[in-house]
Amino acid sequence: MVAQLKPGMSREQVRFVLGAPLLTDVFHADRWDYVYRFQPGKGKLQERKLTVIFENGSLARLEGDVRPEEAGAQ
């Protein structure tokens, strides 16, 4: 889903693609945080973090350990 994000997308478009953010901060309204946890069967627990930064109401950049180019390759 991260691979579908493009700079300039509105908050509504980002919410449609990723769902509601796990964390929102009243002091940082232009920052949404997502945490993904996955544990396959008896495998090791995997955790990924993604921060979406908005400027002037549109997607400006992504931070964290999930990148669109990596997400598209999986």
PDB file of N, CA and C in Angstrom:
ATOM      1  N   MET A   1       0.819  -1.192   0.000  1.00  0.00           N
ATOM      2  CA  MET A   1       0.000   0.000   0.000  1.00  0.00           C
ATOM      3  C   MET A   1       0.867   1.262   0.000  1.00  0.00           C
ATOM      4  N   VAL A   2       2.014   1.187   0.640  1.00  0.00           N
ATOM      5  CA  VAL A   2       2.902   2.349   0.706  1.00  0.00           C
ATOM      6  C   VAL A   2       3.341   2.762  -0.696  1.00  0.00           C
ATOM      7  N   ALA A   3       3.489   1.807  -1.589  1.00  0.00           N
ATOM      8  CA  ALA A   3       3.912   2.101  -2.958  1.00  0.00           C
ATOM      9  C   ALA A   3       2.891   2.954  -3.704  1.00  0.00           C
ATOM     10  N   GLN A   4       1.658   3.001  -3.229  1.00  0.00           N
ATOM     11  CA  GLN A   4       0.612   3.790  -3.877  1.00  0.00           C
ATOM     12  C   GLN A   4       0.654   5.258  -3.468  1.00  0.00           C
ATOM     13  N   LEU A   5       1.414   5.596  -2.440  1.00  0.00           N
ATOM     14  CA  LEU A   5       1.476   6.977  -1.961  1.00  0.00           C
ATOM     15  C   LEU A   5       2.326   7.827  -2.896  1.00  0.00           C
ATOM     16  N   LYS A   6       1.842   9.019  -3.192  1.00  0.00           N
ATOM     17  CA  LYS A   6       2.544   9.962  -4.063  1.00  0.00           C
ATOM     18  C   LYS A   6       2.540  11.336  -3.403  1.00  0.00           C
ATOM     19  N   PRO A   7       3.631  12.081  -3.544  1.00  0.00           N
ATOM     20  CA  PRO A   7       3.653  13.449  -3.006  1.00  0.00           C
ATOM     21  C   PRO A   7       2.482  14.253  -3.560  1.00  0.00           C
ATOM     22  N   GLY A   8       1.901  15.081  -2.693  1.00  0.00           N
ATOM     23  CA  GLY A   8       0.783  15.918  -3.097  1.00  0.00           C
ATOM     24  C   GLY A   8      -0.579  15.328  -2.818  1.00  0.00           C
ATOM     25  N   MET A   9      -0.639  14.065  -2.392  1.00  0.00           N
ATOM     26  CA  MET A   9      -1.931  13.450  -2.071  1.00  0.00           C
ATOM     27  C   MET A   9      -2.547  14.142  -0.863  1.00  0.00           C
ATOM     28  N   SER A  10      -3.868  14.210  -0.845  1.00  0.00           N
ATOM     29  CA  SER A  10      -4.569  14.823   0.282  1.00  0.00           C
ATOM     30  C   SER A  10      -4.604  13.866   1.472  1.00  0.00           C
ATOM     31  N   ARG A  11      -4.969  14.389   2.626  1.00  0.00           N
ATOM     32  CA  ARG A  11      -5.107  13.551   3.827  1.00  0.00           C
ATOM     33  C   ARG A  11      -6.138  12.448   3.607  1.00  0.00           C
ATOM     34  N   GLU A  12      -7.230  12.795   2.926  1.00  0.00           N
ATOM     35  CA  GLU A  12      -8.282  11.810   2.671  1.00  0.00           C
ATOM     36  C   GLU A  12      -7.777  10.678   1.779  1.00  0.00           C
ATOM     37  N   GLN A  13      -6.965  11.016   0.782  1.00  0.00           N
ATOM     38  CA  GLN A  13      -6.417   9.993  -0.098  1.00  0.00           C
ATOM     39  C   GLN A  13      -5.461   9.075   0.653  1.00  0.00           C
ATOM     40  N   VAL A  14      -4.618   9.657   1.515  1.00  0.00           N
ATOM     41  CA  VAL A  14      -3.685   8.853   2.308  1.00  0.00           C
ATOM     42  C   VAL A  14      -4.456   7.948   3.255  1.00  0.00           C
ATOM     43  N   ARG A  15      -5.489   8.482   3.885  1.00  0.00           N
ATOM     44  CA  ARG A  15      -6.309   7.670   4.799  1.00  0.00           C
ATOM     45  C   ARG A  15      -6.992   6.529   4.046  1.00  0.00           C
ATOM     46  N   PHE A  16      -7.415   6.776   2.808  1.00  0.00           N
ATOM     47  CA  PHE A  16      -8.043   5.728   1.999  1.00  0.00           C
ATOM     48  C   PHE A  16      -7.045   4.603   1.708  1.00  0.00           C
ATOM     49  N   VAL A  17      -5.794   4.960   1.407  1.00  0.00           N
ATOM     50  CA  VAL A  17      -4.772   3.970   1.049  1.00  0.00           C
ATOM     51  C   VAL A  17      -4.280   3.206   2.277  1.00  0.00           C
ATOM     52  N   LEU A  18      -3.946   3.923   3.356  1.00  0.00           N
ATOM     53  CA  LEU A  18      -3.320   3.292   4.523  1.00  0.00           C
ATOM     54  C   LEU A  18      -4.280   3.012   5.674  1.00  0.00           C
ATOM     55  N   GLY A  19      -5.434   3.623   5.652  1.00  0.00           N
ATOM     56  CA  GLY A  19      -6.341   3.514   6.789  1.00  0.00           C
ATOM     57  C   GLY A  19      -6.044   4.614   7.790  1.00  0.00           C
ATOM     58  N   ALA A  20      -6.769   4.614   8.877  1.00  0.00           N
ATOM     59  CA  ALA A  20      -6.579   5.638   9.908  1.00  0.00           C
ATOM     60  C   ALA A  20      -5.213   5.447  10.584  1.00  0.00           C
ATOM     61  N   PRO A  21      -4.545   6.540  10.899  1.00  0.00           N
ATOM     62  CA  PRO A  21      -3.242   6.405  11.562  1.00  0.00           C
ATOM     63  C   PRO A  21      -3.383   5.832  12.959  1.00  0.00           C
ATOM     64  N   LEU A  22      -2.369   5.086  13.389  1.00  0.00           N
ATOM     65  CA  LEU A  22      -2.361   4.516  14.723  1.00  0.00           C
ATOM     66  C   LEU A  22      -2.229   5.617  15.763  1.00  0.00           C
ATOM     67  N   LEU A  23      -1.364   6.576  15.488  1.00  0.00           N
ATOM     68  CA  LEU A  23      -1.124   7.674  16.416  1.00  0.00           C
ATOM     69  C   LEU A  23      -1.307   9.012  15.727  1.00  0.00           C
ATOM     70  N   THR A  24      -2.025   9.920  16.391  1.00  0.00           N
ATOM     71  CA  THR A  24      -2.091  11.310  15.961  1.00  0.00           C
ATOM     72  C   THR A  24      -1.758  12.157  17.161  1.00  0.00           C
ATOM     73  N   ASP A  25      -1.122  13.277  16.920  1.00  0.00           N
ATOM     74  CA  ASP A  25      -0.645  14.136  17.995  1.00  0.00           C
ATOM     75  C   ASP A  25      -1.229  15.529  17.810  1.00  0.00           C
ATOM     76  N   VAL A  26      -1.924  16.043  18.812  1.00  0.00           N
ATOM     77  CA  VAL A  26      -2.530  17.368  18.702  1.00  0.00           C
ATOM     78  C   VAL A  26      -1.471  18.457  18.543  1.00  0.00           C
ATOM     79  N   PHE A  27      -0.262  18.204  18.982  1.00  0.00           N
ATOM     80  CA  PHE A  27       0.810  19.189  18.857  1.00  0.00           C
ATOM     81  C   PHE A  27       1.523  19.101  17.508  1.00  0.00           C
ATOM     82  N   HIS A  28       1.338  17.998  16.799  1.00  0.00           N
ATOM     83  CA  HIS A  28       1.941  17.802  15.486  1.00  0.00           C
ATOM     84  C   HIS A  28       0.858  17.273  14.536  1.00  0.00           C
ATOM     85  N   ALA A  29      -0.075  18.124  14.192  1.00  0.00           N
ATOM     86  CA  ALA A  29      -1.228  17.711  13.387  1.00  0.00           C
ATOM     87  C   ALA A  29      -0.834  17.292  11.978  1.00  0.00           C
ATOM     88  N   ASP A  30       0.341  17.693  11.511  1.00  0.00           N
ATOM     89  CA  ASP A  30       0.788  17.348  10.169  1.00  0.00           C
ATOM     90  C   ASP A  30       1.631  16.074  10.144  1.00  0.00           C
ATOM     91  N   ARG A  31       1.537  15.272  11.189  1.00  0.00           N
ATOM     92  CA  ARG A  31       2.310  14.031  11.283  1.00  0.00           C
ATOM     93  C   ARG A  31       1.377  12.890  11.670  1.00  0.00           C
ATOM     94  N   TRP A  32       1.396  11.835  10.872  1.00  0.00           N
ATOM     95  CA  TRP A  32       0.646  10.630  11.184  1.00  0.00           C
ATOM     96  C   TRP A  32       1.634   9.494  11.332  1.00  0.00           C
ATOM     97  N   ASP A  33       1.458   8.663  12.350  1.00  0.00           N
ATOM     98  CA  ASP A  33       2.345   7.534  12.593  1.00  0.00           C
ATOM     99  C   ASP A  33       1.593   6.219  12.446  1.00  0.00           C
ATOM    100  N   TYR A  34       2.220   5.302  11.720  1.00  0.00           N
ATOM    101  CA  TYR A  34       1.687   3.957  11.519  1.00  0.00           C
ATOM    102  C   TYR A  34       2.711   2.949  12.020  1.00  0.00           C
ATOM    103  N   VAL A  35       2.252   1.929  12.720  1.00  0.00           N
ATOM    104  CA  VAL A  35       3.122   0.846  13.172  1.00  0.00           C
ATOM    105  C   VAL A  35       2.493  -0.457  12.691  1.00  0.00           C
ATOM    106  N   TYR A  36       3.284  -1.248  11.986  1.00  0.00           N
ATOM    107  CA  TYR A  36       2.821  -2.526  11.468  1.00  0.00           C
ATOM    108  C   TYR A  36       3.569  -3.642  12.173  1.00  0.00           C
ATOM    109  N   ARG A  37       2.832  -4.613  12.690  1.00  0.00           N
ATOM    110  CA  ARG A  37       3.448  -5.773  13.344  1.00  0.00           C
ATOM    111  C   ARG A  37       2.934  -7.021  12.655  1.00  0.00           C
ATOM    112  N   PHE A  38       3.857  -7.938  12.404  1.00  0.00           N
ATOM    113  CA  PHE A  38       3.507  -9.170  11.709  1.00  0.00           C
ATOM    114  C   PHE A  38       4.361 -10.307  12.245  1.00  0.00           C
ATOM    115  N   GLN A  39       3.708 -11.411  12.560  1.00  0.00           N
ATOM    116  CA  GLN A  39       4.444 -12.585  13.022  1.00  0.00           C
ATOM    117  C   GLN A  39       3.905 -13.803  12.274  1.00  0.00           C
ATOM    118  N   PRO A  40       4.667 -14.261  11.273  1.00  0.00           N
ATOM    119  CA  PRO A  40       4.195 -15.412  10.506  1.00  0.00           C
ATOM    120  C   PRO A  40       4.368 -16.712  11.283  1.00  0.00           C
ATOM    121  N   GLY A  41       3.287 -17.440  11.464  1.00  0.00           N
ATOM    122  CA  GLY A  41       3.334 -18.748  12.132  1.00  0.00           C
ATOM    123  C   GLY A  41       4.243 -18.793  13.335  1.00  0.00           C
ATOM    124  N   LYS A  42       5.328 -19.538  13.218  1.00  0.00           N
ATOM    125  CA  LYS A  42       6.299 -19.640  14.305  1.00  0.00           C
ATOM    126  C   LYS A  42       7.513 -18.749  14.047  1.00  0.00           C
ATOM    127  N   GLY A  43       7.373 -17.847  13.079  1.00  0.00           N
ATOM    128  CA  GLY A  43       8.482 -16.979  12.709  1.00  0.00           C
ATOM    129  C   GLY A  43       8.718 -15.850  13.688  1.00  0.00           C
ATOM    130  N   LYS A  44       9.711 -15.084  13.386  1.00  0.00           N
ATOM    131  CA  LYS A  44      10.107 -13.966  14.227  1.00  0.00           C
ATOM    132  C   LYS A  44       9.168 -12.774  14.012  1.00  0.00           C
ATOM    133  N   LEU A  45       8.840 -12.090  15.088  1.00  0.00           N
ATOM    134  CA  LEU A  45       7.997 -10.907  15.034  1.00  0.00           C
ATOM    135  C   LEU A  45       8.701  -9.804  14.251  1.00  0.00           C
ATOM    136  N   GLN A  46       7.987  -9.233  13.298  1.00  0.00           N
ATOM    137  CA  GLN A  46       8.516  -8.135  12.502  1.00  0.00           C
ATOM    138  C   GLN A  46       7.716  -6.886  12.810  1.00  0.00           C
ATOM    139  N   GLU A  47       8.390  -5.768  12.962  1.00  0.00           N
ATOM    140  CA  GLU A  47       7.713  -4.503  13.221  1.00  0.00           C
ATOM    141  C   GLU A  47       8.275  -3.448  12.296  1.00  0.00           C
ATOM    142  N   ARG A  48       7.394  -2.723  11.651  1.00  0.00           N
ATOM    143  CA  ARG A  48       7.780  -1.642  10.747  1.00  0.00           C
ATOM    144  C   ARG A  48       7.074  -0.369  11.192  1.00  0.00           C
ATOM    145  N   LYS A  49       7.767   0.748  11.022  1.00  0.00           N
ATOM    146  CA  LYS A  49       7.201   2.048  11.403  1.00  0.00           C
ATOM    147  C   LYS A  49       7.227   2.977  10.201  1.00  0.00           C
ATOM    148  N   LEU A  50       6.146   3.724  10.040  1.00  0.00           N
ATOM    149  CA  LEU A  50       6.033   4.675   8.946  1.00  0.00           C
ATOM    150  C   LEU A  50       5.441   5.966   9.486  1.00  0.00           C
ATOM    151  N   THR A  51       6.078   7.073   9.174  1.00  0.00           N
ATOM    152  CA  THR A  51       5.562   8.388   9.537  1.00  0.00           C
ATOM    153  C   THR A  51       5.249   9.140   8.257  1.00  0.00           C
ATOM    154  N   VAL A  52       4.037   9.674   8.177  1.00  0.00           N
ATOM    155  CA  VAL A  52       3.595  10.438   7.023  1.00  0.00           C
ATOM    156  C   VAL A  52       3.582  11.905   7.443  1.00  0.00           C
ATOM    157  N   ILE A  53       4.278  12.741   6.682  1.00  0.00           N
ATOM    158  CA  ILE A  53       4.368  14.165   6.980  1.00  0.00           C
ATOM    159  C   ILE A  53       3.600  14.945   5.920  1.00  0.00           C
ATOM    160  N   PHE A  54       2.704  15.815   6.382  1.00  0.00           N
ATOM    161  CA  PHE A  54       1.924  16.670   5.494  1.00  0.00           C
ATOM    162  C   PHE A  54       2.427  18.108   5.605  1.00  0.00           C
ATOM    163  N   GLU A  55       2.380  18.825   4.499  1.00  0.00           N
ATOM    164  CA  GLU A  55       2.642  20.263   4.482  1.00  0.00           C
ATOM    165  C   GLU A  55       1.535  20.904   3.674  1.00  0.00           C
ATOM    166  N   ASN A  56       0.879  21.904   4.254  1.00  0.00           N
ATOM    167  CA  ASN A  56      -0.238  22.596   3.611  1.00  0.00           C
ATOM    168  C   ASN A  56      -1.344  21.636   3.183  1.00  0.00           C
ATOM    169  N   GLY A  57      -1.583  20.612   3.994  1.00  0.00           N
ATOM    170  CA  GLY A  57      -2.685  19.698   3.749  1.00  0.00           C
ATOM    171  C   GLY A  57      -2.423  18.597   2.743  1.00  0.00           C
ATOM    172  N   SER A  58      -1.203  18.517   2.210  1.00  0.00           N
ATOM    173  CA  SER A  58      -0.913  17.448   1.253  1.00  0.00           C
ATOM    174  C   SER A  58       0.353  16.696   1.658  1.00  0.00           C
ATOM    175  N   LEU A  59       0.475  15.463   1.173  1.00  0.00           N
ATOM    176  CA  LEU A  59       1.595  14.599   1.518  1.00  0.00           C
ATOM    177  C   LEU A  59       2.907  15.219   1.040  1.00  0.00           C
ATOM    178  N   ALA A  60       3.829  15.411   1.980  1.00  0.00           N
ATOM    179  CA  ALA A  60       5.126  16.000   1.651  1.00  0.00           C
ATOM    180  C   ALA A  60       6.216  14.939   1.595  1.00  0.00           C
ATOM    181  N   ARG A  61       6.255  14.062   2.610  1.00  0.00           N
ATOM    182  CA  ARG A  61       7.313  13.042   2.640  1.00  0.00           C
ATOM    183  C   ARG A  61       6.938  11.909   3.594  1.00  0.00           C
ATOM    184  N   LEU A  62       7.697  10.819   3.460  1.00  0.00           N
ATOM    185  CA  LEU A  62       7.550   9.649   4.320  1.00  0.00           C
ATOM    186  C   LEU A  62       8.845   9.450   5.076  1.00  0.00           C
ATOM    187  N   GLU A  63       8.728   9.014   6.326  1.00  0.00           N
ATOM    188  CA  GLU A  63       9.894   8.701   7.145  1.00  0.00           C
ATOM    189  C   GLU A  63       9.664   7.339   7.779  1.00  0.00           C
ATOM    190  N   GLY A  64      10.733   6.702   8.198  1.00  0.00           N
ATOM    191  CA  GLY A  64      10.617   5.413   8.856  1.00  0.00           C
ATOM    192  C   GLY A  64      11.370   4.343   8.114  1.00  0.00           C
ATOM    193  N   ASP A  65      11.088   3.089   8.458  1.00  0.00           N
ATOM    194  CA  ASP A  65      11.825   1.984   7.861  1.00  0.00           C
ATOM    195  C   ASP A  65      11.059   1.284   6.735  1.00  0.00           C
ATOM    196  N   VAL A  66       9.998   1.906   6.241  1.00  0.00           N
ATOM    197  CA  VAL A  66       9.261   1.379   5.098  1.00  0.00           C
ATOM    198  C   VAL A  66       9.335   2.431   4.004  1.00  0.00           C
ATOM    199  N   ARG A  67       9.803   2.033   2.844  1.00  0.00           N
ATOM    200  CA  ARG A  67       9.920   2.930   1.700  1.00  0.00           C
ATOM    201  C   ARG A  67       9.069   2.386   0.554  1.00  0.00           C
ATOM    202  N   PRO A  68       8.483   3.271  -0.267  1.00  0.00           N
ATOM    203  CA  PRO A  68       7.634   2.807  -1.373  1.00  0.00           C
ATOM    204  C   PRO A  68       8.347   1.841  -2.310  1.00  0.00           C
ATOM    205  N   GLU A  69       9.624   2.078  -2.616  1.00  0.00           N
ATOM    206  CA  GLU A  69      10.331   1.185  -3.547  1.00  0.00           C
ATOM    207  C   GLU A  69      10.524  -0.201  -2.948  1.00  0.00           C
ATOM    208  N   GLU A  70      10.699  -0.302  -1.629  1.00  0.00           N
ATOM    209  CA  GLU A  70      10.816  -1.603  -0.963  1.00  0.00           C
ATOM    210  C   GLU A  70       9.474  -2.304  -0.926  1.00  0.00           C
ATOM    211  N   ALA A  71       8.425  -1.529  -0.642  1.00  0.00           N
ATOM    212  CA  ALA A  71       7.094  -2.117  -0.499  1.00  0.00           C
ATOM    213  C   ALA A  71       6.610  -2.686  -1.832  1.00  0.00           C
ATOM    214  N   GLY A  72       6.948  -2.006  -2.936  1.00  0.00           N
ATOM    215  CA  GLY A  72       6.533  -2.488  -4.246  1.00  0.00           C
ATOM    216  C   GLY A  72       7.250  -3.752  -4.664  1.00  0.00           C
ATOM    217  N   ALA A  73       8.434  -3.987  -4.105  1.00  0.00           N
ATOM    218  CA  ALA A  73       9.236  -5.153  -4.474  1.00  0.00           C
ATOM    219  C   ALA A  73       8.780  -6.414  -3.771  1.00  0.00           C
ATOM    220  N   GLN A  74       7.991  -6.307  -2.712  1.00  0.00           N
ATOM    221  CA  GLN A  74       7.583  -7.471  -1.938  1.00  0.00           C
ATOM    222  C   GLN A  74       6.335  -8.086  -2.460  1.00  0.00           C
TER     223      GLN A  74
END
